[in-house]
Amino acid sequence: MAKGAAPVVWVLTDGKAGDEQPLIGLAEAMGVLPVLRRVAPRRAFTWLMPWGPIDPQDAPGKAGSPLAPPFPDICLATGRRAVPYLRRLKALAPATFCVFFKDPRTRRHGADLLIVQQHDAPRGRAVLVVTTAPNRLLPERLAEAHAAFAEVLAPLPRPRIAVLVGGNGRHHRFTDADSDRFLRGLEAKREQGCGLMITTSRRTPASLAKALAGLGNRQGVHVWDGTGENPLLAYLSWADEIVVTADSTNMVGEAAALGVPVQLFHPSGGHPKIDSLISALSRQAAIGRFPEAPVHGRGSPVNSTPGLAEEILKRWRAS
C-alpha cells in the first residue's frame, strides 16, 4: 500500500487483556482500528516457546490460522507465545514491519523494532526504551467517558479519588492485614470529605471485593459492581487523585498518564521489575505511598503511547 495512507495493523497476542489492550491503544494512537490475531498453541508447543516453532495446526494455510493472509503492513506483538508466530510472519511477509513489546528472550524474534520498559535488558538501535507500557487513554476516549458518566460522578464530593484495585498474583498477595490497612486508608479519605470511585479486578480477593462493595453504600462513594459499562476511563477522567495497588504495572502506568497525584498501595510481596518501574516513575511523576506517605500536587503526565505511535509510523514509512 502507499505509505502515505493509514496502514493495516495486526495485534498479535495470546489474548490476555494485559497484553492485548496496550497494543490496541498503540494502534488507536496511530489512527487505526487493528485486526486482532490471537494465538492458542497446544500445551506441548508452549513448552518450547519462544524458541521453538509455531503449532502446526496454526500453519498459515490452515483454516482459522492467526497467520492467515492477507498480511498486514504493521504487526504489533507481545507475549512469549506470540514470538514464534511473529518470527514466522516475518519470514512469510518480509515487507511487514514487525514490532515486539517487552523482552522476547531470544534474538530470533522476527521484529524490526523492540519496545521495552527500563527494567528489561534489550538495548540497541532497533530498541525503544520507555518507562510505561502503551495504553488506551486517548483524549477523545476520556472525554466520551467523562460525559457518559457525568450524571453519577459529578455529584461526588471533591477531591474525587479513583481507586484501582488489583489483587493476588505471582508476586503479590493481599493478606488480611493488607486488606485491613487498605480499607482503613480509604475510610479515612471518605471521612475527610473525599469522593471515592472504586473498581476491582478478577484477581481481587473475594473478602476485599465484598468489603469494597459495602463501601459503595456509603455517601460519596461509587463502586463498579462488574455489570454494565466499565467506568474505568470515566473514573480516570474525573479523578483529582488516584490510588492504585502496586501489583499491576499496567494499572500503575495508566494512573501516571493523567498527571494527577498517584498514591501506590503495596500489598505483601513484590518484584524487582515493579520496583524499577516505580523508581523510574517517581523521577517523572507525583508518586506517593498509600496510606502512610501521600504525595500532593500535580506532576507531569507520563504516557509513552503518542510518541511510540509516531515513531512506529515513521520507521514503517522509511522501511
C-alpha atoms as a PDB file:
ATOM      1  CA  MET A   1       0.000   0.000   0.000  1.00  0.00           C
ATOM      2  CA  ALA A   2       1.071   3.619  -0.432  1.00  0.00           C
ATOM      3  CA  LYS A   3       2.795   4.582   2.796  1.00  0.00           C
ATOM      4  CA  GLY A   4       1.040   7.925   2.936  1.00  0.00           C
ATOM      5  CA  ALA A   5      -2.194   6.091   3.740  1.00  0.00           C
ATOM      6  CA  ALA A   6      -3.176   4.502   7.046  1.00  0.00           C
ATOM      7  CA  PRO A   7      -1.548   1.082   7.477  1.00  0.00           C
ATOM      8  CA  VAL A   8      -3.274  -2.228   8.097  1.00  0.00           C
ATOM      9  CA  VAL A   9      -2.229  -3.247  11.608  1.00  0.00           C
ATOM     10  CA  TRP A  10      -2.392  -6.615  13.350  1.00  0.00           C
ATOM     11  CA  VAL A  11      -2.256  -7.017  17.125  1.00  0.00           C
ATOM     12  CA  LEU A  12      -0.773 -10.470  17.735  1.00  0.00           C
ATOM     13  CA  THR A  13      -1.044 -11.900  21.276  1.00  0.00           C
ATOM     14  CA  ASP A  14      -2.436 -14.882  23.137  1.00  0.00           C
ATOM     15  CA  GLY A  15      -5.459 -12.764  24.038  1.00  0.00           C
ATOM     16  CA  LYS A  16      -4.614 -11.822  27.618  1.00  0.00           C
ATOM     17  CA  ALA A  17      -6.121  -8.393  28.270  1.00  0.00           C
ATOM     18  CA  GLY A  18      -2.938  -7.131  29.915  1.00  0.00           C
ATOM     19  CA  ASP A  19      -1.043  -7.841  26.689  1.00  0.00           C
ATOM     20  CA  GLU A  20      -3.677  -7.077  24.078  1.00  0.00           C
ATOM     21  CA  GLN A  21      -5.149  -3.825  25.396  1.00  0.00           C
ATOM     22  CA  PRO A  22      -1.870  -1.820  25.445  1.00  0.00           C
ATOM     23  CA  LEU A  23      -1.207  -2.755  21.817  1.00  0.00           C
ATOM     24  CA  ILE A  24      -4.769  -1.862  20.804  1.00  0.00           C
ATOM     25  CA  GLY A  25      -4.119   1.504  22.405  1.00  0.00           C
ATOM     26  CA  LEU A  26      -0.913   1.861  20.405  1.00  0.00           C
ATOM     27  CA  ALA A  27      -2.768   1.111  17.158  1.00  0.00           C
ATOM     28  CA  GLU A  28      -5.538   3.568  18.079  1.00  0.00           C
ATOM     29  CA  ALA A  29      -2.912   6.259  18.663  1.00  0.00           C
ATOM     30  CA  MET A  30      -1.725   5.544  15.111  1.00  0.00           C
ATOM     31  CA  GLY A  31      -5.255   6.299  13.927  1.00  0.00           C
ATOM     32  CA  VAL A  32      -6.011   2.677  13.098  1.00  0.00           C
ATOM     33  CA  LEU A  33      -8.576   0.086  14.204  1.00  0.00           C
ATOM     34  CA  PRO A  34      -6.393  -3.019  14.469  1.00  0.00           C
ATOM     35  CA  VAL A  35      -7.121  -6.574  13.396  1.00  0.00           C
ATOM     36  CA  LEU A  36      -6.850  -8.840  16.454  1.00  0.00           C
ATOM     37  CA  ARG A  37      -4.954 -12.079  15.839  1.00  0.00           C
ATOM     38  CA  ARG A  38      -4.822 -14.429  18.828  1.00  0.00           C
ATOM     39  CA  VAL A  39      -2.555 -17.436  19.151  1.00  0.00           C
ATOM     40  CA  ALA A  40      -3.590 -20.517  21.125  1.00  0.00           C
ATOM     41  CA  PRO A  41      -0.901 -23.175  20.661  1.00  0.00           C
ATOM     42  CA  ARG A  42      -1.313 -26.584  22.217  1.00  0.00           C
ATOM     43  CA  ARG A  43       0.490 -27.113  25.511  1.00  0.00           C
ATOM     44  CA  ALA A  44       3.316 -29.235  24.123  1.00  0.00           C
ATOM     45  CA  PHE A  45       4.315 -26.390  21.812  1.00  0.00           C
ATOM     46  CA  THR A  46       4.110 -23.702  24.501  1.00  0.00           C
ATOM     47  CA  TRP A  47       6.866 -25.526  26.392  1.00  0.00           C
ATOM     48  CA  LEU A  48       9.279 -24.674  23.564  1.00  0.00           C
ATOM     49  CA  MET A  49       8.251 -21.041  23.239  1.00  0.00           C
ATOM     50  CA  PRO A  50       9.673 -18.514  22.493  1.00  0.00           C
ATOM     51  CA  TRP A  51      12.478 -20.558  20.923  1.00  0.00           C
ATOM     52  CA  GLY A  52      10.541 -23.294  19.123  1.00  0.00           C
ATOM     53  CA  PRO A  53       8.141 -23.325  16.155  1.00  0.00           C
ATOM     54  CA  ILE A  54       4.509 -22.369  15.899  1.00  0.00           C
ATOM     55  CA  ASP A  55       1.920 -25.063  16.489  1.00  0.00           C
ATOM     56  CA  PRO A  56       1.498 -26.872  13.113  1.00  0.00           C
ATOM     57  CA  GLN A  57      -2.281 -26.593  13.452  1.00  0.00           C
ATOM     58  CA  ASP A  58      -1.773 -22.822  13.045  1.00  0.00           C
ATOM     59  CA  ALA A  59       0.111 -23.059   9.750  1.00  0.00           C
ATOM     60  CA  PRO A  60      -0.889 -20.118   7.510  1.00  0.00           C
ATOM     61  CA  GLY A  61      -2.752 -22.369   5.091  1.00  0.00           C
ATOM     62  CA  LYS A  62      -4.951 -23.921   7.799  1.00  0.00           C
ATOM     63  CA  ALA A  63      -8.472 -22.683   8.465  1.00  0.00           C
ATOM     64  CA  GLY A  64      -8.577 -20.225  11.350  1.00  0.00           C
ATOM     65  CA  SER A  65      -4.818 -19.692  11.429  1.00  0.00           C
ATOM     66  CA  PRO A  66      -3.766 -16.480  13.223  1.00  0.00           C
ATOM     67  CA  LEU A  67      -1.266 -16.049  10.362  1.00  0.00           C
ATOM     68  CA  ALA A  68      -3.779 -16.332   7.534  1.00  0.00           C
ATOM     69  CA  PRO A  69      -3.209 -13.739   4.780  1.00  0.00           C
ATOM     70  CA  PRO A  70      -3.670 -11.042   3.646  1.00  0.00           C
ATOM     71  CA  PHE A  71      -0.702  -9.907   5.694  1.00  0.00           C
ATOM     72  CA  PRO A  72      -0.580  -6.523   7.435  1.00  0.00           C
ATOM     73  CA  ASP A  73       1.622  -3.512   6.897  1.00  0.00           C
ATOM     74  CA  ILE A  74       2.490  -3.437  10.606  1.00  0.00           C
ATOM     75  CA  CYS A  75       2.258  -6.160  13.242  1.00  0.00           C
ATOM     76  CA  LEU A  76       2.314  -5.323  16.946  1.00  0.00           C
ATOM     77  CA  ALA A  77       3.025  -8.388  19.096  1.00  0.00           C
ATOM     78  CA  THR A  78       3.791  -9.266  22.681  1.00  0.00           C
ATOM     79  CA  GLY A  79       3.975 -12.338  24.917  1.00  0.00           C
ATOM     80  CA  ARG A  80       6.137 -15.445  24.909  1.00  0.00           C
ATOM     81  CA  ARG A  81       3.644 -17.460  22.862  1.00  0.00           C
ATOM     82  CA  ALA A  82       3.493 -14.789  20.165  1.00  0.00           C
ATOM     83  CA  VAL A  83       7.237 -14.800  19.439  1.00  0.00           C
ATOM     84  CA  PRO A  84       7.330 -17.866  17.128  1.00  0.00           C
ATOM     85  CA  TYR A  85       4.291 -16.547  15.256  1.00  0.00           C
ATOM     86  CA  LEU A  86       5.909 -13.149  14.717  1.00  0.00           C
ATOM     87  CA  ARG A  87       9.076 -14.873  13.530  1.00  0.00           C
ATOM     88  CA  ARG A  88       7.054 -16.953  11.061  1.00  0.00           C
ATOM     89  CA  LEU A  89       5.096 -13.899   9.888  1.00  0.00           C
ATOM     90  CA  LYS A  90       8.309 -12.026   9.120  1.00  0.00           C
ATOM     91  CA  ALA A  91       9.546 -14.987   7.056  1.00  0.00           C
ATOM     92  CA  LEU A  92       6.264 -15.136   5.159  1.00  0.00           C
ATOM     93  CA  ALA A  93       5.888 -11.369   4.689  1.00  0.00           C
ATOM     94  CA  PRO A  94       9.271  -9.608   4.818  1.00  0.00           C
ATOM     95  CA  ALA A  95       7.638  -6.274   3.969  1.00  0.00           C
ATOM     96  CA  THR A  96       5.532  -6.349   7.148  1.00  0.00           C
ATOM     97  CA  PHE A  97       7.035  -4.016   9.758  1.00  0.00           C
ATOM     98  CA  CYS A  98       7.105  -6.135  12.909  1.00  0.00           C
ATOM     99  CA  VAL A  99       7.152  -4.631  16.409  1.00  0.00           C
ATOM    100  CA  PHE A 100       7.509  -6.626  19.626  1.00  0.00           C
ATOM    101  CA  PHE A 101       6.718  -5.152  23.046  1.00  0.00           C
ATOM    102  CA  LYS A 102       8.704  -6.435  26.071  1.00  0.00           C
ATOM    103  CA  ASP A 103      11.772  -8.663  26.150  1.00  0.00           C
ATOM    104  CA  PRO A 104      11.306 -11.544  23.648  1.00  0.00           C
ATOM    105  CA  ARG A 105      14.025 -13.551  25.466  1.00  0.00           C
ATOM    106  CA  THR A 106      15.553 -14.662  22.197  1.00  0.00           C
ATOM    107  CA  ARG A 107      17.413 -12.957  19.363  1.00  0.00           C
ATOM    108  CA  ARG A 108      15.325 -14.930  16.873  1.00  0.00           C
ATOM    109  CA  HIS A 109      12.175 -12.878  17.346  1.00  0.00           C
ATOM    110  CA  GLY A 110      11.459 -11.575  13.851  1.00  0.00           C
ATOM    111  CA  ALA A 111      10.885  -7.990  14.985  1.00  0.00           C
ATOM    112  CA  ASP A 112      12.186  -4.946  13.171  1.00  0.00           C
ATOM    113  CA  LEU A 113      11.722  -2.961  16.374  1.00  0.00           C
ATOM    114  CA  LEU A 114      11.626  -3.864  20.065  1.00  0.00           C
ATOM    115  CA  ILE A 115       9.863  -1.698  22.632  1.00  0.00           C
ATOM    116  CA  VAL A 116      10.929  -2.412  26.208  1.00  0.00           C
ATOM    117  CA  GLN A 117      10.462  -0.843  29.596  1.00  0.00           C
ATOM    118  CA  GLN A 118      13.531   0.256  31.518  1.00  0.00           C
ATOM    119  CA  HIS A 119      13.663  -2.902  33.613  1.00  0.00           C
ATOM    120  CA  ASP A 120      14.059  -5.124  30.515  1.00  0.00           C
ATOM    121  CA  ALA A 121      17.512  -5.856  29.142  1.00  0.00           C
ATOM    122  CA  PRO A 122      17.477  -5.376  25.334  1.00  0.00           C
ATOM    123  CA  ARG A 123      19.228  -2.261  24.062  1.00  0.00           C
ATOM    124  CA  GLY A 124      20.358  -1.128  20.626  1.00  0.00           C
ATOM    125  CA  ARG A 125      19.450   0.905  17.539  1.00  0.00           C
ATOM    126  CA  ALA A 126      16.323  -1.166  16.939  1.00  0.00           C
ATOM    127  CA  VAL A 127      15.163  -0.865  20.557  1.00  0.00           C
ATOM    128  CA  LEU A 128      12.986   1.863  22.072  1.00  0.00           C
ATOM    129  CA  VAL A 129      13.109   2.147  25.868  1.00  0.00           C
ATOM    130  CA  VAL A 130      10.080   3.601  27.669  1.00  0.00           C
ATOM    131  CA  THR A 131       9.020   3.985  31.287  1.00  0.00           C
ATOM    132  CA  THR A 132       5.397   2.849  30.985  1.00  0.00           C
ATOM    133  CA  ALA A 133       3.519   0.481  28.716  1.00  0.00           C
ATOM    134  CA  PRO A 134       1.241   1.849  25.992  1.00  0.00           C
ATOM    135  CA  ASN A 135      -2.383   2.449  26.964  1.00  0.00           C
ATOM    136  CA  ARG A 136      -5.793   3.303  25.528  1.00  0.00           C
ATOM    137  CA  LEU A 137      -6.115   6.691  27.242  1.00  0.00           C
ATOM    138  CA  LEU A 138      -6.732   8.734  24.125  1.00  0.00           C
ATOM    139  CA  PRO A 139      -8.097  12.218  24.950  1.00  0.00           C
ATOM    140  CA  GLU A 140     -11.248  11.593  22.912  1.00  0.00           C
ATOM    141  CA  ARG A 141     -11.969   8.312  24.732  1.00  0.00           C
ATOM    142  CA  LEU A 142     -11.506  10.012  28.103  1.00  0.00           C
ATOM    143  CA  ALA A 143     -13.800  12.874  27.040  1.00  0.00           C
ATOM    144  CA  GLU A 144     -16.509  10.447  25.906  1.00  0.00           C
ATOM    145  CA  ALA A 145     -16.333   8.512  29.171  1.00  0.00           C
ATOM    146  CA  HIS A 146     -16.342  11.745  31.173  1.00  0.00           C
ATOM    147  CA  ALA A 147     -19.589  12.817  29.550  1.00  0.00           C
ATOM    148  CA  ALA A 148     -21.192   9.360  29.705  1.00  0.00           C
ATOM    149  CA  PHE A 149     -20.809   9.078  33.495  1.00  0.00           C
ATOM    150  CA  ALA A 150     -21.323  12.743  34.410  1.00  0.00           C
ATOM    151  CA  GLU A 151     -24.727  12.118  35.978  1.00  0.00           C
ATOM    152  CA  VAL A 152     -23.379   9.651  38.562  1.00  0.00           C
ATOM    153  CA  LEU A 153     -19.850  11.004  39.140  1.00  0.00           C
ATOM    154  CA  ALA A 154     -20.304  14.787  39.068  1.00  0.00           C
ATOM    155  CA  PRO A 155     -22.271  14.774  42.388  1.00  0.00           C
ATOM    156  CA  LEU A 156     -19.390  13.090  44.247  1.00  0.00           C
ATOM    157  CA  PRO A 157     -17.521  15.438  46.590  1.00  0.00           C
ATOM    158  CA  ARG A 158     -14.096  16.760  45.606  1.00  0.00           C
ATOM    159  CA  PRO A 159     -11.367  15.835  45.590  1.00  0.00           C
ATOM    160  CA  ARG A 160     -12.558  12.778  43.706  1.00  0.00           C
ATOM    161  CA  ILE A 161     -10.231   9.796  44.069  1.00  0.00           C
ATOM    162  CA  ALA A 162     -10.149   6.941  41.561  1.00  0.00           C
ATOM    163  CA  VAL A 163      -9.292   3.704  43.363  1.00  0.00           C
ATOM    164  CA  LEU A 164      -7.897   0.976  41.084  1.00  0.00           C
ATOM    165  CA  VAL A 165      -7.704  -2.349  42.883  1.00  0.00           C
ATOM    166  CA  GLY A 166      -5.789  -5.318  41.522  1.00  0.00           C
ATOM    167  CA  GLY A 167      -5.249  -8.454  43.559  1.00  0.00           C
ATOM    168  CA  ASN A 168      -3.276 -11.606  44.117  1.00  0.00           C
ATOM    169  CA  GLY A 169      -0.752 -12.716  41.515  1.00  0.00           C
ATOM    170  CA  ARG A 170       2.635 -14.346  41.107  1.00  0.00           C
ATOM    171  CA  HIS A 171       4.478 -11.647  43.020  1.00  0.00           C
ATOM    172  CA  HIS A 172       1.927 -10.053  45.369  1.00  0.00           C
ATOM    173  CA  ARG A 173      -0.553 -11.335  47.906  1.00  0.00           C
ATOM    174  CA  PHE A 174      -3.185  -9.401  49.841  1.00  0.00           C
ATOM    175  CA  THR A 175      -3.025 -10.634  53.424  1.00  0.00           C
ATOM    176  CA  ASP A 176      -5.841  -9.882  55.844  1.00  0.00           C
ATOM    177  CA  ALA A 177      -3.611  -7.196  57.365  1.00  0.00           C
ATOM    178  CA  ASP A 178      -3.045  -5.660  53.914  1.00  0.00           C
ATOM    179  CA  SER A 179      -6.772  -5.545  53.222  1.00  0.00           C
ATOM    180  CA  ASP A 180      -7.493  -4.001  56.616  1.00  0.00           C
ATOM    181  CA  ARG A 181      -4.823  -1.324  56.093  1.00  0.00           C
ATOM    182  CA  PHE A 182      -6.153  -0.549  52.622  1.00  0.00           C
ATOM    183  CA  LEU A 183      -9.763  -0.281  53.791  1.00  0.00           C
ATOM    184  CA  ARG A 184      -8.837   1.908  56.758  1.00  0.00           C
ATOM    185  CA  GLY A 185      -6.982   4.243  54.415  1.00  0.00           C
ATOM    186  CA  LEU A 186      -9.980   4.550  52.114  1.00  0.00           C
ATOM    187  CA  GLU A 187     -12.373   5.111  55.007  1.00  0.00           C
ATOM    188  CA  ALA A 188     -10.092   7.869  56.298  1.00  0.00           C
ATOM    189  CA  LYS A 189     -10.225   9.547  52.891  1.00  0.00           C
ATOM    190  CA  ARG A 190     -14.022   9.336  52.883  1.00  0.00           C
ATOM    191  CA  GLU A 191     -14.236  10.822  56.370  1.00  0.00           C
ATOM    192  CA  GLN A 192     -12.045  13.707  55.189  1.00  0.00           C
ATOM    193  CA  GLY A 193     -14.755  14.505  52.626  1.00  0.00           C
ATOM    194  CA  CYS A 194     -13.213  12.928  49.526  1.00  0.00           C
ATOM    195  CA  GLY A 195     -15.309  11.206  46.878  1.00  0.00           C
ATOM    196  CA  LEU A 196     -14.243   7.645  46.068  1.00  0.00           C
ATOM    197  CA  MET A 197     -14.635   5.897  42.688  1.00  0.00           C
ATOM    198  CA  ILE A 198     -13.670   2.252  43.169  1.00  0.00           C
ATOM    199  CA  THR A 199     -13.101  -0.540  40.658  1.00  0.00           C
ATOM    200  CA  THR A 200     -11.813  -4.040  41.400  1.00  0.00           C
ATOM    201  CA  SER A 201     -10.455  -6.820  39.180  1.00  0.00           C
ATOM    202  CA  ARG A 202     -10.935 -10.557  38.799  1.00  0.00           C
ATOM    203  CA  ARG A 203      -7.815 -11.006  40.928  1.00  0.00           C
ATOM    204  CA  THR A 204      -9.172  -9.049  43.892  1.00  0.00           C
ATOM    205  CA  PRO A 205      -9.651 -11.366  46.898  1.00  0.00           C
ATOM    206  CA  ALA A 206     -13.338 -12.072  47.477  1.00  0.00           C
ATOM    207  CA  SER A 207     -13.307 -10.743  51.042  1.00  0.00           C
ATOM    208  CA  LEU A 208     -11.713  -7.467  49.970  1.00  0.00           C
ATOM    209  CA  ALA A 209     -14.070  -7.097  46.998  1.00  0.00           C
ATOM    210  CA  LYS A 210     -17.031  -7.646  49.320  1.00  0.00           C
ATOM    211  CA  ALA A 211     -15.788  -5.030  51.786  1.00  0.00           C
ATOM    212  CA  LEU A 212     -15.216  -2.535  48.971  1.00  0.00           C
ATOM    213  CA  ALA A 213     -18.702  -3.206  47.620  1.00  0.00           C
ATOM    214  CA  GLY A 214     -20.008  -2.372  51.098  1.00  0.00           C
ATOM    215  CA  LEU A 215     -18.278   0.995  50.889  1.00  0.00           C
ATOM    216  CA  GLY A 216     -20.457   1.686  47.865  1.00  0.00           C
ATOM    217  CA  ASN A 217     -23.416   2.017  50.215  1.00  0.00           C
ATOM    218  CA  ARG A 218     -21.758   4.974  51.937  1.00  0.00           C
ATOM    219  CA  GLN A 219     -22.277   8.567  50.915  1.00  0.00           C
ATOM    220  CA  GLY A 220     -19.720   9.922  48.461  1.00  0.00           C
ATOM    221  CA  VAL A 221     -18.650   6.507  47.137  1.00  0.00           C
ATOM    222  CA  HIS A 222     -19.255   4.903  43.747  1.00  0.00           C
ATOM    223  CA  VAL A 223     -18.229   1.257  43.258  1.00  0.00           C
ATOM    224  CA  TRP A 224     -18.467  -0.582  39.968  1.00  0.00           C
ATOM    225  CA  ASP A 225     -20.212  -3.889  40.594  1.00  0.00           C
ATOM    226  CA  GLY A 226     -18.994  -5.516  37.394  1.00  0.00           C
ATOM    227  CA  THR A 227     -22.250  -5.020  35.495  1.00  0.00           C
ATOM    228  CA  GLY A 228     -22.958  -2.550  32.734  1.00  0.00           C
ATOM    229  CA  GLU A 229     -20.366  -0.373  31.056  1.00  0.00           C
ATOM    230  CA  ASN A 230     -16.943  -0.385  32.711  1.00  0.00           C
ATOM    231  CA  PRO A 231     -16.427   3.097  34.214  1.00  0.00           C
ATOM    232  CA  LEU A 232     -12.615   2.895  34.455  1.00  0.00           C
ATOM    233  CA  LEU A 233     -11.995   5.580  31.836  1.00  0.00           C
ATOM    234  CA  ALA A 234     -14.644   7.768  33.438  1.00  0.00           C
ATOM    235  CA  TYR A 235     -13.071   7.337  36.867  1.00  0.00           C
ATOM    236  CA  LEU A 236      -9.707   8.398  35.462  1.00  0.00           C
ATOM    237  CA  SER A 237     -11.202  11.366  33.609  1.00  0.00           C
ATOM    238  CA  TRP A 238     -12.949  12.650  36.757  1.00  0.00           C
ATOM    239  CA  ALA A 239     -10.064  11.914  39.162  1.00  0.00           C
ATOM    240  CA  ASP A 240      -8.269  14.624  41.120  1.00  0.00           C
ATOM    241  CA  GLU A 241      -6.098  11.880  42.621  1.00  0.00           C
ATOM    242  CA  ILE A 242      -5.572   8.153  42.026  1.00  0.00           C
ATOM    243  CA  VAL A 243      -4.983   5.324  44.478  1.00  0.00           C
ATOM    244  CA  VAL A 244      -3.707   2.195  42.734  1.00  0.00           C
ATOM    245  CA  THR A 245      -2.425  -1.123  44.020  1.00  0.00           C
ATOM    246  CA  ALA A 246       1.179  -1.800  43.044  1.00  0.00           C
ATOM    247  CA  ASP A 247       0.646  -5.366  41.812  1.00  0.00           C
ATOM    248  CA  SER A 248      -0.085  -4.322  38.206  1.00  0.00           C
ATOM    249  CA  THR A 249       2.450  -2.407  36.109  1.00  0.00           C
ATOM    250  CA  ASN A 250      -0.253  -1.620  33.551  1.00  0.00           C
ATOM    251  CA  MET A 251      -2.544  -0.047  36.150  1.00  0.00           C
ATOM    252  CA  VAL A 252       0.315   1.927  37.679  1.00  0.00           C
ATOM    253  CA  GLY A 253       1.338   3.154  34.227  1.00  0.00           C
ATOM    254  CA  GLU A 254      -2.214   4.201  33.348  1.00  0.00           C
ATOM    255  CA  ALA A 255      -2.521   6.115  36.610  1.00  0.00           C
ATOM    256  CA  ALA A 256       0.701   8.019  35.889  1.00  0.00           C
ATOM    257  CA  ALA A 257      -0.554   9.079  32.442  1.00  0.00           C
ATOM    258  CA  LEU A 258      -3.053  11.573  33.864  1.00  0.00           C
ATOM    259  CA  GLY A 259      -0.682  13.909  35.701  1.00  0.00           C
ATOM    260  CA  VAL A 260      -2.684  13.836  38.959  1.00  0.00           C
ATOM    261  CA  PRO A 261      -1.110  12.666  42.240  1.00  0.00           C
ATOM    262  CA  VAL A 262      -0.763   8.862  42.319  1.00  0.00           C
ATOM    263  CA  GLN A 263      -0.727   7.016  45.639  1.00  0.00           C
ATOM    264  CA  LEU A 264       0.540   3.430  45.453  1.00  0.00           C
ATOM    265  CA  PHE A 265      -0.675   0.769  47.860  1.00  0.00           C
ATOM    266  CA  HIS A 266       1.848  -2.045  48.294  1.00  0.00           C
ATOM    267  CA  PRO A 267       0.378  -5.451  49.203  1.00  0.00           C
ATOM    268  CA  SER A 268       2.701  -8.131  50.553  1.00  0.00           C
ATOM    269  CA  GLY A 269       5.384  -9.367  48.187  1.00  0.00           C
ATOM    270  CA  GLY A 270       6.988  -7.508  45.323  1.00  0.00           C
ATOM    271  CA  HIS A 271       9.270  -7.881  42.331  1.00  0.00           C
ATOM    272  CA  PRO A 272      12.422  -6.039  41.196  1.00  0.00           C
ATOM    273  CA  LYS A 273      10.788  -5.099  37.872  1.00  0.00           C
ATOM    274  CA  ILE A 274       7.911  -3.367  39.636  1.00  0.00           C
ATOM    275  CA  ASP A 275      10.350  -1.656  41.997  1.00  0.00           C
ATOM    276  CA  SER A 276      12.297  -0.435  38.948  1.00  0.00           C
ATOM    277  CA  LEU A 277       9.143   0.935  37.320  1.00  0.00           C
ATOM    278  CA  ILE A 278       8.101   2.767  40.471  1.00  0.00           C
ATOM    279  CA  SER A 279      11.583   4.208  40.901  1.00  0.00           C
ATOM    280  CA  ALA A 280      11.615   5.480  37.312  1.00  0.00           C
ATOM    281  CA  LEU A 281       8.090   6.906  37.595  1.00  0.00           C
ATOM    282  CA  SER A 282       8.938   8.667  40.846  1.00  0.00           C
ATOM    283  CA  ARG A 283      11.549  10.697  38.975  1.00  0.00           C
ATOM    284  CA  GLN A 284       8.972  11.873  36.449  1.00  0.00           C
ATOM    285  CA  ALA A 285       5.559  11.960  38.144  1.00  0.00           C
ATOM    286  CA  ALA A 286       3.931  12.687  41.511  1.00  0.00           C
ATOM    287  CA  ILE A 287       4.071   9.246  43.189  1.00  0.00           C
ATOM    288  CA  GLY A 288       3.256   8.660  46.862  1.00  0.00           C
ATOM    289  CA  ARG A 289       2.643   5.689  49.135  1.00  0.00           C
ATOM    290  CA  PHE A 290      -0.885   4.909  50.348  1.00  0.00           C
ATOM    291  CA  PRO A 291      -1.967   5.477  53.030  1.00  0.00           C
ATOM    292  CA  GLU A 292       1.132   6.413  55.008  1.00  0.00           C
ATOM    293  CA  ALA A 293       3.096   8.767  52.743  1.00  0.00           C
ATOM    294  CA  PRO A 294       0.836  10.532  50.221  1.00  0.00           C
ATOM    295  CA  VAL A 295       2.159  12.972  47.664  1.00  0.00           C
ATOM    296  CA  HIS A 296       0.436  16.259  46.879  1.00  0.00           C
ATOM    297  CA  GLY A 297       0.281  18.412  43.772  1.00  0.00           C
ATOM    298  CA  ARG A 298       0.140  17.524  40.098  1.00  0.00           C
ATOM    299  CA  GLY A 299       3.089  16.063  38.271  1.00  0.00           C
ATOM    300  CA  SER A 300       3.933  15.657  34.614  1.00  0.00           C
ATOM    301  CA  PRO A 301       1.836  13.066  32.752  1.00  0.00           C
ATOM    302  CA  VAL A 302       3.933  10.040  31.810  1.00  0.00           C
ATOM    303  CA  ASN A 303       2.488   8.484  28.671  1.00  0.00           C
ATOM    304  CA  SER A 304       4.628   6.661  26.120  1.00  0.00           C
ATOM    305  CA  THR A 305       1.764   5.951  23.715  1.00  0.00           C
ATOM    306  CA  PRO A 306       1.677   9.029  21.418  1.00  0.00           C
ATOM    307  CA  GLY A 307       5.441   9.097  20.937  1.00  0.00           C
ATOM    308  CA  LEU A 308       5.638   5.360  20.247  1.00  0.00           C
ATOM    309  CA  ALA A 309       2.830   5.548  17.690  1.00  0.00           C
ATOM    310  CA  GLU A 310       4.586   8.384  15.880  1.00  0.00           C
ATOM    311  CA  GLU A 311       7.937   6.574  15.879  1.00  0.00           C
ATOM    312  CA  ILE A 312       6.473   3.305  14.594  1.00  0.00           C
ATOM    313  CA  LEU A 313       4.754   5.066  11.711  1.00  0.00           C
ATOM    314  CA  LYS A 314       7.960   6.951  10.921  1.00  0.00           C
ATOM    315  CA  ARG A 315      10.015   3.751  10.813  1.00  0.00           C
ATOM    316  CA  TRP A 316       7.391   1.876   8.817  1.00  0.00           C
ATOM    317  CA  ARG A 317       7.282   4.610   6.183  1.00  0.00           C
ATOM    318  CA  ALA A 318      11.085   4.573   5.982  1.00  0.00           C
ATOM    319  CA  SER A 319      11.303   0.791   5.692  1.00  0.00           C
END
